[in-house]
């Protein structure tokens, strides 16, 4: 294999192997300024958008032992990867599509499972990671808070009775 091709495939392998997700979008019809804007918006939430030959990406996905999505790797394809938040990347793409009518989301891979367009849209509709964590923390803390109130109530009632007796 040509050393240049191997280098590119190795770089793609590193990207997809270090990312918990890969989103595949068709950027046909996008202008260079629109594509730059998409990259900038994705960069704000820790994601990256890269263009590579479909054959190189097929090989990189195969080397990473990720599912075969080669039937979706046709035409002008860009690949979105990131360090953690797939929901943020999906939401950014969804909002960008609302504004510019492009790109078209084709498929994705999340933790080794293939995602269709509907599933990626569902991820985009989820609240941010921080909101989900705050909700989870509130749910976890609710029983403990209720228990502390129940345990404190007899002592608090006694204190109110003594205070009322003392004042009255």
Protein backbone atom coordinates (compact mmCIF):
# COMPACT_ATOMS: atom_id res chain seq x y z
CA UNK A 1 0.00 0.00 0.00
CA UNK A 2 1.13 3.50 -0.78
CA UNK A 3 2.69 5.06 2.38
CA UNK A 4 0.57 8.21 1.97
CA UNK A 5 -2.64 6.18 1.87
CA UNK A 6 -1.53 4.15 4.90
CA UNK A 7 -0.79 7.36 6.81
CA UNK A 8 -4.26 8.79 6.03
CA UNK A 9 -6.00 5.53 6.97
CA UNK A 10 -4.00 5.37 10.21
CA UNK A 11 -5.01 8.96 11.05
CA UNK A 12 -8.68 8.13 10.40
CA UNK A 13 -8.32 4.96 12.48
CA UNK A 14 -6.97 7.01 15.40
CA UNK A 15 -9.90 9.44 15.13
CA UNK A 16 -12.64 6.80 15.03
CA UNK A 17 -10.91 4.61 17.60
CA UNK A 18 -10.59 7.44 20.13
CA UNK A 19 -14.15 8.68 19.63
CA UNK A 20 -17.20 6.97 21.11
CA UNK A 21 -19.18 8.03 18.04
CA UNK A 22 -18.93 8.67 14.32
CA UNK A 23 -21.68 10.57 12.50
CA UNK A 24 -21.77 10.40 8.71
CA UNK A 25 -23.18 13.37 6.80
CA UNK A 26 -23.62 14.10 3.10
CA UNK A 27 -22.37 17.63 2.49
CA UNK A 28 -23.37 17.84 -1.20
CA UNK A 29 -24.20 21.41 -2.16
CA UNK A 30 -22.55 23.07 0.82
CA UNK A 31 -20.33 26.05 0.16
CA UNK A 32 -16.88 26.36 1.72
CA UNK A 33 -18.03 29.12 4.14
CA UNK A 34 -21.01 26.95 5.21
CA UNK A 35 -18.73 23.97 5.80
CA UNK A 36 -16.32 26.13 7.80
CA UNK A 37 -19.24 27.39 9.88
CA UNK A 38 -20.36 23.81 10.56
CA UNK A 39 -16.82 22.90 11.65
CA UNK A 40 -16.64 25.93 13.95
CA UNK A 41 -19.98 25.12 15.58
CA UNK A 42 -19.01 21.49 16.08
CA UNK A 43 -15.67 22.58 17.52
CA UNK A 44 -17.47 24.61 20.20
CA UNK A 45 -18.83 21.39 21.74
CA UNK A 46 -15.67 19.30 21.33
CA UNK A 47 -16.47 17.63 18.02
CA UNK A 48 -14.62 17.63 14.70
CA UNK A 49 -15.79 17.30 11.11
CA UNK A 50 -13.43 15.77 8.55
CA UNK A 51 -13.64 14.88 4.90
CA UNK A 52 -11.89 11.76 3.68
CA UNK A 53 -12.21 9.39 0.78
CA UNK A 54 -14.97 6.90 1.46
CA UNK A 55 -12.64 3.98 0.69
CA UNK A 56 -10.16 5.24 3.31
CA UNK A 57 -12.91 5.57 5.91
CA UNK A 58 -14.18 2.06 5.12
CA UNK A 59 -10.71 0.71 5.78
CA UNK A 60 -10.31 2.76 8.99
CA UNK A 61 -13.68 1.55 10.31
CA UNK A 62 -12.77 -2.01 9.40
CA UNK A 63 -9.40 -1.70 11.20
CA UNK A 64 -11.22 -0.31 14.28
CA UNK A 65 -13.56 -3.32 14.14
CA UNK A 66 -16.60 -1.06 13.94
CA UNK A 67 -19.82 -2.07 12.15
CA UNK A 68 -19.91 -2.05 8.36
CA UNK A 69 -21.69 1.06 7.12
CA UNK A 70 -20.11 0.99 3.66
CA UNK A 71 -23.55 1.16 2.01
CA UNK A 72 -23.84 4.70 3.44
CA UNK A 73 -20.36 5.80 2.40
CA UNK A 74 -21.32 7.15 -1.00
CA UNK A 75 -21.02 10.62 -2.51
CA UNK A 76 -19.61 13.65 -0.73
CA UNK A 77 -19.29 12.34 2.80
CA UNK A 78 -17.97 14.04 5.93
CA UNK A 79 -17.35 12.36 9.26
CA UNK A 80 -18.04 13.88 12.66
CA UNK A 81 -16.16 12.54 15.68
CA UNK A 82 -15.68 13.83 19.17
CA UNK A 83 -14.34 13.12 22.60
CA UNK A 84 -17.54 12.57 24.53
CA UNK A 85 -20.87 14.26 23.79
CA UNK A 86 -22.67 12.71 20.81
CA UNK A 87 -25.84 14.59 21.80
CA UNK A 88 -24.09 17.95 21.46
CA UNK A 89 -22.74 17.04 18.03
CA UNK A 90 -26.13 15.74 16.87
CA UNK A 91 -27.86 18.87 18.21
CA UNK A 92 -25.35 21.13 16.44
CA UNK A 93 -25.91 19.33 13.13
CA UNK A 94 -29.70 19.41 13.57
CA UNK A 95 -29.66 23.16 14.27
CA UNK A 96 -27.31 23.75 11.34
CA UNK A 97 -29.64 21.82 9.01
CA UNK A 98 -32.60 23.96 10.20
CA UNK A 99 -30.65 27.07 9.29
CA UNK A 100 -28.91 26.02 6.05
CA UNK A 101 -30.95 22.96 4.86
CA UNK A 102 -27.66 21.05 4.63
CA UNK A 103 -25.92 18.64 5.35
CA UNK A 104 -27.98 15.48 5.30
CA UNK A 105 -27.32 13.08 8.17
CA UNK A 106 -26.89 9.58 6.74
CA UNK A 107 -25.94 7.28 9.61
CA UNK A 108 -23.77 6.99 12.66
CA UNK A 109 -22.01 4.65 15.01
CA UNK A 110 -22.29 5.03 18.78
CA UNK A 111 -20.34 2.69 21.05
CA UNK A 112 -20.20 0.06 18.32
CA UNK A 113 -23.89 0.21 17.36
CA UNK A 114 -25.18 1.56 14.05
CA UNK A 115 -27.57 4.52 14.32
CA UNK A 116 -30.12 5.54 11.72
CA UNK A 117 -31.25 9.10 11.03
CA UNK A 118 -34.21 8.87 13.44
CA UNK A 119 -31.97 7.73 16.29
CA UNK A 120 -29.51 10.55 15.64
CA UNK A 121 -32.41 13.02 15.66
CA UNK A 122 -33.59 11.54 18.98
CA UNK A 123 -30.09 12.09 20.41
CA UNK A 124 -30.21 15.70 19.21
CA UNK A 125 -33.47 16.22 21.10
CA UNK A 126 -31.99 15.08 24.43
CA UNK A 127 -30.96 17.73 26.94
CA UNK A 128 -27.27 18.48 27.28
CA UNK A 129 -25.02 16.17 29.26
CA UNK A 130 -24.82 18.67 32.13
CA UNK A 131 -28.63 18.90 32.39
CA UNK A 132 -28.96 15.11 32.36
CA UNK A 133 -26.31 14.78 35.09
CA UNK A 134 -28.01 17.45 37.22
CA UNK A 135 -31.36 15.67 36.82
CA UNK A 136 -29.78 12.35 37.78
CA UNK A 137 -28.10 13.91 40.82
CA UNK A 138 -31.41 15.45 41.91
CA UNK A 139 -33.12 12.08 41.56
CA UNK A 140 -30.40 10.35 43.57
CA UNK A 141 -30.45 13.02 46.31
CA UNK A 142 -34.26 13.18 46.67
CA UNK A 143 -34.65 10.05 48.86
CA UNK A 144 -31.74 11.07 51.11
CA UNK A 145 -33.22 14.55 51.57
CA UNK A 146 -36.62 13.08 52.44
CA UNK A 147 -35.01 10.68 54.94
CA UNK A 148 -33.17 13.51 56.68
CA UNK A 149 -36.43 15.49 56.97
CA UNK A 150 -38.25 12.48 58.49
CA UNK A 151 -35.42 11.84 60.95
CA UNK A 152 -35.27 15.51 62.00
CA UNK A 153 -39.03 16.01 62.40
CA UNK A 154 -39.48 14.44 65.89
CA UNK A 155 -36.66 16.56 67.34
CA UNK A 156 -37.96 19.66 65.55
CA UNK A 157 -41.50 19.03 66.86
CA UNK A 158 -40.21 18.62 70.40
CA UNK A 159 -38.20 21.84 70.06
CA UNK A 160 -41.31 23.72 68.85
CA UNK A 161 -43.38 22.40 71.79
CA UNK A 162 -40.69 23.40 74.33
CA UNK A 163 -40.35 26.85 72.75
CA UNK A 164 -44.12 27.36 72.75
CA UNK A 165 -44.32 26.25 76.41
CA UNK A 166 -41.45 28.58 77.32
CA UNK A 167 -42.99 31.58 75.49
CA UNK A 168 -46.54 30.91 76.70
